[in-house]
């Protein structure tokens, strides 16, 4: 098995390295959502990737590994 590529060290509770793909971004958001004030309602693979609530309002979130995407 090849070694997996890892991102830079970030030490977020439950995640040692920064994401290197979109699935990592989704996981990181899940780890930080409560701290950021989000309550996740639904996650899926088509647009929008996530439906959440923040301060009583509904949010539609699209996860991307690179901001240019």
PDB file of N, CA and C in Angstrom:
ATOM      1  N   UNK A   1       0.849  -1.182   0.000  1.00  0.00           N
ATOM      2  CA  UNK A   1       0.000   0.000   0.000  1.00  0.00           C
ATOM      3  C   UNK A   1       0.895   1.246   0.000  1.00  0.00           C
ATOM      4  N   UNK A   2       0.599   2.187  -0.885  1.00  0.00           N
ATOM      5  CA  UNK A   2       1.362   3.434  -0.949  1.00  0.00           C
ATOM      6  C   UNK A   2       1.064   4.297   0.271  1.00  0.00           C
ATOM      7  N   UNK A   3       2.077   5.095   0.664  1.00  0.00           N
ATOM      8  CA  UNK A   3       1.846   6.074   1.728  1.00  0.00           C
ATOM      9  C   UNK A   3       0.860   7.113   1.239  1.00  0.00           C
ATOM     10  N   UNK A   4      -0.042   7.531   2.105  1.00  0.00           N
ATOM     11  CA  UNK A   4      -1.031   8.549   1.762  1.00  0.00           C
ATOM     12  C   UNK A   4      -0.407   9.926   1.921  1.00  0.00           C
ATOM     13  N   UNK A   5      -0.783  10.844   1.024  1.00  0.00           N
ATOM     14  CA  UNK A   5      -0.323  12.218   1.128  1.00  0.00           C
ATOM     15  C   UNK A   5      -1.065  12.887   2.286  1.00  0.00           C
ATOM     16  N   UNK A   6      -0.364  13.636   3.098  1.00  0.00           N
ATOM     17  CA  UNK A   6      -1.000  14.368   4.189  1.00  0.00           C
ATOM     18  C   UNK A   6      -0.719  15.847   4.036  1.00  0.00           C
ATOM     19  N   UNK A   7      -1.615  16.670   4.575  1.00  0.00           N
ATOM     20  CA  UNK A   7      -1.444  18.111   4.561  1.00  0.00           C
ATOM     21  C   UNK A   7      -0.557  18.561   5.705  1.00  0.00           C
ATOM     22  N   UNK A   8      -0.505  19.865   5.874  1.00  0.00           N
ATOM     23  CA  UNK A   8       0.324  20.402   6.965  1.00  0.00           C
ATOM     24  C   UNK A   8      -0.309  20.064   8.311  1.00  0.00           C
ATOM     25  N   UNK A   9       0.487  20.035   9.346  1.00  0.00           N
ATOM     26  CA  UNK A   9       0.035  19.733  10.699  1.00  0.00           C
ATOM     27  C   UNK A   9      -0.924  20.822  11.178  1.00  0.00           C
ATOM     28  N   UNK A  10      -2.138  20.457  11.613  1.00  0.00           N
ATOM     29  CA  UNK A  10      -3.089  21.463  12.097  1.00  0.00           C
ATOM     30  C   UNK A  10      -3.555  21.206  13.524  1.00  0.00           C
ATOM     31  N   UNK A  11      -3.515  19.950  13.985  1.00  0.00           N
ATOM     32  CA  UNK A  11      -3.882  19.605  15.358  1.00  0.00           C
ATOM     33  C   UNK A  11      -5.285  20.074  15.749  1.00  0.00           C
ATOM     34  N   UNK A  12      -6.251  19.960  14.851  1.00  0.00           N
ATOM     35  CA  UNK A  12      -7.650  20.181  15.201  1.00  0.00           C
ATOM     36  C   UNK A  12      -8.107  18.935  15.940  1.00  0.00           C
ATOM     37  N   UNK A  13      -8.883  19.071  16.987  1.00  0.00           N
ATOM     38  CA  UNK A  13      -9.330  17.919  17.756  1.00  0.00           C
ATOM     39  C   UNK A  13      -9.911  16.853  16.823  1.00  0.00           C
ATOM     40  N   UNK A  14      -9.258  15.702  16.756  1.00  0.00           N
ATOM     41  CA  UNK A  14      -9.718  14.614  15.915  1.00  0.00           C
ATOM     42  C   UNK A  14      -9.140  14.611  14.515  1.00  0.00           C
ATOM     43  N   UNK A  15      -8.288  15.570  14.192  1.00  0.00           N
ATOM     44  CA  UNK A  15      -7.700  15.633  12.845  1.00  0.00           C
ATOM     45  C   UNK A  15      -6.294  16.220  12.957  1.00  0.00           C
ATOM     46  N   UNK A  16      -5.287  15.426  12.609  1.00  0.00           N
ATOM     47  CA  UNK A  16      -3.897  15.849  12.781  1.00  0.00           C
ATOM     48  C   UNK A  16      -3.383  16.727  11.643  1.00  0.00           C
ATOM     49  N   UNK A  17      -3.864  16.466  10.408  1.00  0.00           N
ATOM     50  CA  UNK A  17      -3.326  17.154   9.240  1.00  0.00           C
ATOM     51  C   UNK A  17      -4.418  17.844   8.440  1.00  0.00           C
ATOM     52  N   UNK A  18      -4.052  18.912   7.760  1.00  0.00           N
ATOM     53  CA  UNK A  18      -4.983  19.657   6.913  1.00  0.00           C
ATOM     54  C   UNK A  18      -5.480  18.770   5.772  1.00  0.00           C
ATOM     55  N   UNK A  19      -6.691  19.030   5.290  1.00  0.00           N
ATOM     56  CA  UNK A  19      -7.233  18.230   4.191  1.00  0.00           C
ATOM     57  C   UNK A  19      -6.377  18.319   2.928  1.00  0.00           C
ATOM     58  N   UNK A  20      -6.412  17.233   2.155  1.00  0.00           N
ATOM     59  CA  UNK A  20      -5.729  17.211   0.862  1.00  0.00           C
ATOM     60  C   UNK A  20      -6.718  16.923  -0.267  1.00  0.00           C
ATOM     61  N   UNK A  21      -8.016  16.879   0.074  1.00  0.00           N
ATOM     62  CA  UNK A  21      -9.061  16.655  -0.926  1.00  0.00           C
ATOM     63  C   UNK A  21     -10.405  17.130  -0.359  1.00  0.00           C
ATOM     64  N   UNK A  22     -11.437  17.102  -1.193  1.00  0.00           N
ATOM     65  CA  UNK A  22     -12.746  17.624  -0.777  1.00  0.00           C
ATOM     66  C   UNK A  22     -13.352  16.833   0.386  1.00  0.00           C
ATOM     67  N   UNK A  23     -13.154  15.526   0.422  1.00  0.00           N
ATOM     68  CA  UNK A  23     -13.692  14.732   1.524  1.00  0.00           C
ATOM     69  C   UNK A  23     -13.071  15.154   2.852  1.00  0.00           C
ATOM     70  N   UNK A  24     -11.806  15.522   2.815  1.00  0.00           N
ATOM     71  CA  UNK A  24     -11.154  16.029   4.019  1.00  0.00           C
ATOM     72  C   UNK A  24     -11.754  17.353   4.468  1.00  0.00           C
ATOM     73  N   UNK A  25     -12.128  18.203   3.511  1.00  0.00           N
ATOM     74  CA  UNK A  25     -12.775  19.484   3.826  1.00  0.00           C
ATOM     75  C   UNK A  25     -14.124  19.238   4.506  1.00  0.00           C
ATOM     76  N   UNK A  26     -14.878  18.268   3.990  1.00  0.00           N
ATOM     77  CA  UNK A  26     -16.171  17.927   4.585  1.00  0.00           C
ATOM     78  C   UNK A  26     -15.967  17.451   6.023  1.00  0.00           C
ATOM     79  N   UNK A  27     -14.995  16.577   6.240  1.00  0.00           N
ATOM     80  CA  UNK A  27     -14.722  16.072   7.587  1.00  0.00           C
ATOM     81  C   UNK A  27     -14.305  17.206   8.519  1.00  0.00           C
ATOM     82  N   UNK A  28     -13.420  18.085   8.049  1.00  0.00           N
ATOM     83  CA  UNK A  28     -12.968  19.206   8.866  1.00  0.00           C
ATOM     84  C   UNK A  28     -14.134  20.117   9.236  1.00  0.00           C
ATOM     85  N   UNK A  29     -15.014  20.405   8.274  1.00  0.00           N
ATOM     86  CA  UNK A  29     -16.190  21.214   8.586  1.00  0.00           C
ATOM     87  C   UNK A  29     -17.038  20.536   9.659  1.00  0.00           C
ATOM     88  N   UNK A  30     -17.201  19.229   9.545  1.00  0.00           N
ATOM     89  CA  UNK A  30     -17.955  18.494  10.555  1.00  0.00           C
ATOM     90  C   UNK A  30     -17.336  18.620  11.937  1.00  0.00           C
ATOM     91  N   UNK A  31     -16.020  18.626  12.004  1.00  0.00           N
ATOM     92  CA  UNK A  31     -15.322  18.775  13.289  1.00  0.00           C
ATOM     93  C   UNK A  31     -15.505  20.188  13.850  1.00  0.00           C
ATOM     94  N   UNK A  32     -15.581  21.208  12.973  1.00  0.00           N
ATOM     95  CA  UNK A  32     -15.610  22.603  13.418  1.00  0.00           C
ATOM     96  C   UNK A  32     -17.003  23.236  13.405  1.00  0.00           C
ATOM     97  N   UNK A  33     -17.992  22.557  12.859  1.00  0.00           N
ATOM     98  CA  UNK A  33     -19.314  23.156  12.661  1.00  0.00           C
ATOM     99  C   UNK A  33     -19.890  23.755  13.943  1.00  0.00           C
ATOM    100  N   UNK A  34     -19.885  23.005  15.006  1.00  0.00           N
ATOM    101  CA  UNK A  34     -20.464  23.513  16.257  1.00  0.00           C
ATOM    102  C   UNK A  34     -19.712  24.745  16.748  1.00  0.00           C
ATOM    103  N   UNK A  35     -18.395  24.703  16.696  1.00  0.00           N
ATOM    104  CA  UNK A  35     -17.575  25.838  17.124  1.00  0.00           C
ATOM    105  C   UNK A  35     -17.861  27.083  16.282  1.00  0.00           C
ATOM    106  N   UNK A  36     -18.201  26.872  15.000  1.00  0.00           N
ATOM    107  CA  UNK A  36     -18.508  27.972  14.090  1.00  0.00           C
ATOM    108  C   UNK A  36     -19.972  28.401  14.158  1.00  0.00           C
ATOM    109  N   UNK A  37     -20.761  27.720  14.975  1.00  0.00           N
ATOM    110  CA  UNK A  37     -22.154  28.100  15.160  1.00  0.00           C
ATOM    111  C   UNK A  37     -23.134  27.436  14.211  1.00  0.00           C
ATOM    112  N   UNK A  38     -22.706  26.393  13.488  1.00  0.00           N
ATOM    113  CA  UNK A  38     -23.570  25.695  12.543  1.00  0.00           C
ATOM    114  C   UNK A  38     -24.196  24.461  13.178  1.00  0.00           C
ATOM    115  N   UNK A  39     -25.438  24.178  12.805  1.00  0.00           N
ATOM    116  CA  UNK A  39     -26.084  22.910  13.090  1.00  0.00           C
ATOM    117  C   UNK A  39     -26.344  22.263  11.738  1.00  0.00           C
ATOM    118  N   UNK A  40     -25.696  21.154  11.479  1.00  0.00           N
ATOM    119  CA  UNK A  40     -25.819  20.476  10.187  1.00  0.00           C
ATOM    120  C   UNK A  40     -27.142  19.729  10.137  1.00  0.00           C
ATOM    121  N   UNK A  41     -27.883  19.946   9.055  1.00  0.00           N
ATOM    122  CA  UNK A  41     -29.153  19.251   8.865  1.00  0.00           C
ATOM    123  C   UNK A  41     -29.025  18.099   7.869  1.00  0.00           C
ATOM    124  N   UNK A  42     -28.204  18.280   6.816  1.00  0.00           N
ATOM    125  CA  UNK A  42     -28.136  17.272   5.757  1.00  0.00           C
ATOM    126  C   UNK A  42     -26.845  17.436   4.971  1.00  0.00           C
ATOM    127  N   UNK A  43     -26.211  16.306   4.623  1.00  0.00           N
ATOM    128  CA  UNK A  43     -25.032  16.316   3.755  1.00  0.00           C
ATOM    129  C   UNK A  43     -25.287  15.334   2.625  1.00  0.00           C
ATOM    130  N   UNK A  44     -24.905  15.722   1.397  1.00  0.00           N
ATOM    131  CA  UNK A  44     -25.108  14.866   0.229  1.00  0.00           C
ATOM    132  C   UNK A  44     -23.999  15.103  -0.774  1.00  0.00           C
ATOM    133  N   UNK A  45     -23.981  14.321  -1.857  1.00  0.00           N
ATOM    134  CA  UNK A  45     -22.918  14.449  -2.855  1.00  0.00           C
ATOM    135  C   UNK A  45     -23.272  15.384  -4.001  1.00  0.00           C
ATOM    136  N   UNK A  46     -24.519  15.835  -4.079  1.00  0.00           N
ATOM    137  CA  UNK A  46     -24.896  16.792  -5.130  1.00  0.00           C
ATOM    138  C   UNK A  46     -25.144  18.163  -4.503  1.00  0.00           C
ATOM    139  N   UNK A  47     -25.276  19.181  -5.340  1.00  0.00           N
ATOM    140  CA  UNK A  47     -25.465  20.554  -4.855  1.00  0.00           C
ATOM    141  C   UNK A  47     -26.814  20.700  -4.158  1.00  0.00           C
ATOM    142  N   UNK A  48     -26.887  21.394  -3.054  1.00  0.00           N
ATOM    143  CA  UNK A  48     -25.755  21.832  -2.242  1.00  0.00           C
ATOM    144  C   UNK A  48     -25.219  20.661  -1.424  1.00  0.00           C
ATOM    145  N   UNK A  49     -23.924  20.687  -1.158  1.00  0.00           N
ATOM    146  CA  UNK A  49     -23.313  19.586  -0.409  1.00  0.00           C
ATOM    147  C   UNK A  49     -23.860  19.480   1.005  1.00  0.00           C
ATOM    148  N   UNK A  50     -24.238  20.607   1.585  1.00  0.00           N
ATOM    149  CA  UNK A  50     -24.663  20.622   2.981  1.00  0.00           C
ATOM    150  C   UNK A  50     -25.767  21.654   3.188  1.00  0.00           C
ATOM    151  N   UNK A  51     -26.733  21.288   3.995  1.00  0.00           N
ATOM    152  CA  UNK A  51     -27.749  22.228   4.465  1.00  0.00           C
ATOM    153  C   UNK A  51     -27.562  22.330   5.975  1.00  0.00           C
ATOM    154  N   UNK A  52     -27.469  23.547   6.464  1.00  0.00           N
ATOM    155  CA  UNK A  52     -27.227  23.760   7.884  1.00  0.00           C
ATOM    156  C   UNK A  52     -28.005  24.987   8.352  1.00  0.00           C
ATOM    157  N   UNK A  53     -28.002  25.187   9.645  1.00  0.00           N
ATOM    158  CA  UNK A  53     -28.597  26.388  10.221  1.00  0.00           C
ATOM    159  C   UNK A  53     -27.538  27.108  11.044  1.00  0.00           C
ATOM    160  N   UNK A  54     -27.632  28.435  10.997  1.00  0.00           N
ATOM    161  CA  UNK A  54     -26.729  29.276  11.790  1.00  0.00           C
ATOM    162  C   UNK A  54     -27.497  30.522  12.174  1.00  0.00           C
ATOM    163  N   UNK A  55     -27.533  30.802  13.448  1.00  0.00           N
ATOM    164  CA  UNK A  55     -28.264  31.953  13.975  1.00  0.00           C
ATOM    165  C   UNK A  55     -29.703  31.965  13.478  1.00  0.00           C
ATOM    166  N   UNK A  56     -30.312  30.779  13.399  1.00  0.00           N
ATOM    167  CA  UNK A  56     -31.704  30.664  12.996  1.00  0.00           C
ATOM    168  C   UNK A  56     -31.967  30.665  11.509  1.00  0.00           C
ATOM    169  N   UNK A  57     -30.977  31.001  10.707  1.00  0.00           N
ATOM    170  CA  UNK A  57     -31.155  31.046   9.259  1.00  0.00           C
ATOM    171  C   UNK A  57     -30.637  29.791   8.577  1.00  0.00           C
ATOM    172  N   UNK A  58     -31.243  29.438   7.473  1.00  0.00           N
ATOM    173  CA  UNK A  58     -30.825  28.269   6.707  1.00  0.00           C
ATOM    174  C   UNK A  58     -29.645  28.637   5.817  1.00  0.00           C
ATOM    175  N   UNK A  59     -28.650  27.748   5.753  1.00  0.00           N
ATOM    176  CA  UNK A  59     -27.447  27.953   4.944  1.00  0.00           C
ATOM    177  C   UNK A  59     -27.283  26.789   3.981  1.00  0.00           C
ATOM    178  N   UNK A  60     -26.927  27.096   2.754  1.00  0.00           N
ATOM    179  CA  UNK A  60     -26.603  26.084   1.758  1.00  0.00           C
ATOM    180  C   UNK A  60     -25.114  26.167   1.512  1.00  0.00           C
ATOM    181  N   UNK A  61     -24.412  25.068   1.742  1.00  0.00           N
ATOM    182  CA  UNK A  61     -22.951  25.068   1.717  1.00  0.00           C
ATOM    183  C   UNK A  61     -22.457  24.131   0.624  1.00  0.00           C
ATOM    184  N   UNK A  62     -21.501  24.612  -0.161  1.00  0.00           N
ATOM    185  CA  UNK A  62     -20.867  23.808  -1.188  1.00  0.00           C
ATOM    186  C   UNK A  62     -19.400  23.671  -0.785  1.00  0.00           C
ATOM    187  N   UNK A  63     -18.947  22.457  -0.551  1.00  0.00           N
ATOM    188  CA  UNK A  63     -17.569  22.217  -0.140  1.00  0.00           C
ATOM    189  C   UNK A  63     -16.674  22.134  -1.370  1.00  0.00           C
ATOM    190  N   UNK A  64     -15.515  22.737  -1.286  1.00  0.00           N
ATOM    191  CA  UNK A  64     -14.504  22.663  -2.341  1.00  0.00           C
ATOM    192  C   UNK A  64     -13.137  22.557  -1.683  1.00  0.00           C
ATOM    193  N   UNK A  65     -12.259  21.777  -2.277  1.00  0.00           N
ATOM    194  CA  UNK A  65     -10.883  21.684  -1.785  1.00  0.00           C
ATOM    195  C   UNK A  65     -10.111  22.945  -2.150  1.00  0.00           C
ATOM    196  N   UNK A  66     -10.309  23.443  -3.336  1.00  0.00           N
ATOM    197  CA  UNK A  66      -9.639  24.664  -3.786  1.00  0.00           C
ATOM    198  C   UNK A  66     -10.674  25.749  -3.986  1.00  0.00           C
ATOM    199  N   UNK A  67     -10.387  26.933  -3.491  1.00  0.00           N
ATOM    200  CA  UNK A  67     -11.345  28.050  -3.605  1.00  0.00           C
ATOM    201  C   UNK A  67     -11.613  28.420  -5.063  1.00  0.00           C
ATOM    202  N   UNK A  68     -10.680  28.152  -5.954  1.00  0.00           N
ATOM    203  CA  UNK A  68     -10.865  28.476  -7.363  1.00  0.00           C
ATOM    204  C   UNK A  68     -11.935  27.599  -8.014  1.00  0.00           C
ATOM    205  N   UNK A  69     -12.298  26.495  -7.370  1.00  0.00           N
ATOM    206  CA  UNK A  69     -13.319  25.600  -7.917  1.00  0.00           C
ATOM    207  C   UNK A  69     -14.704  26.112  -7.549  1.00  0.00           C
TER     208      UNK A  69
END
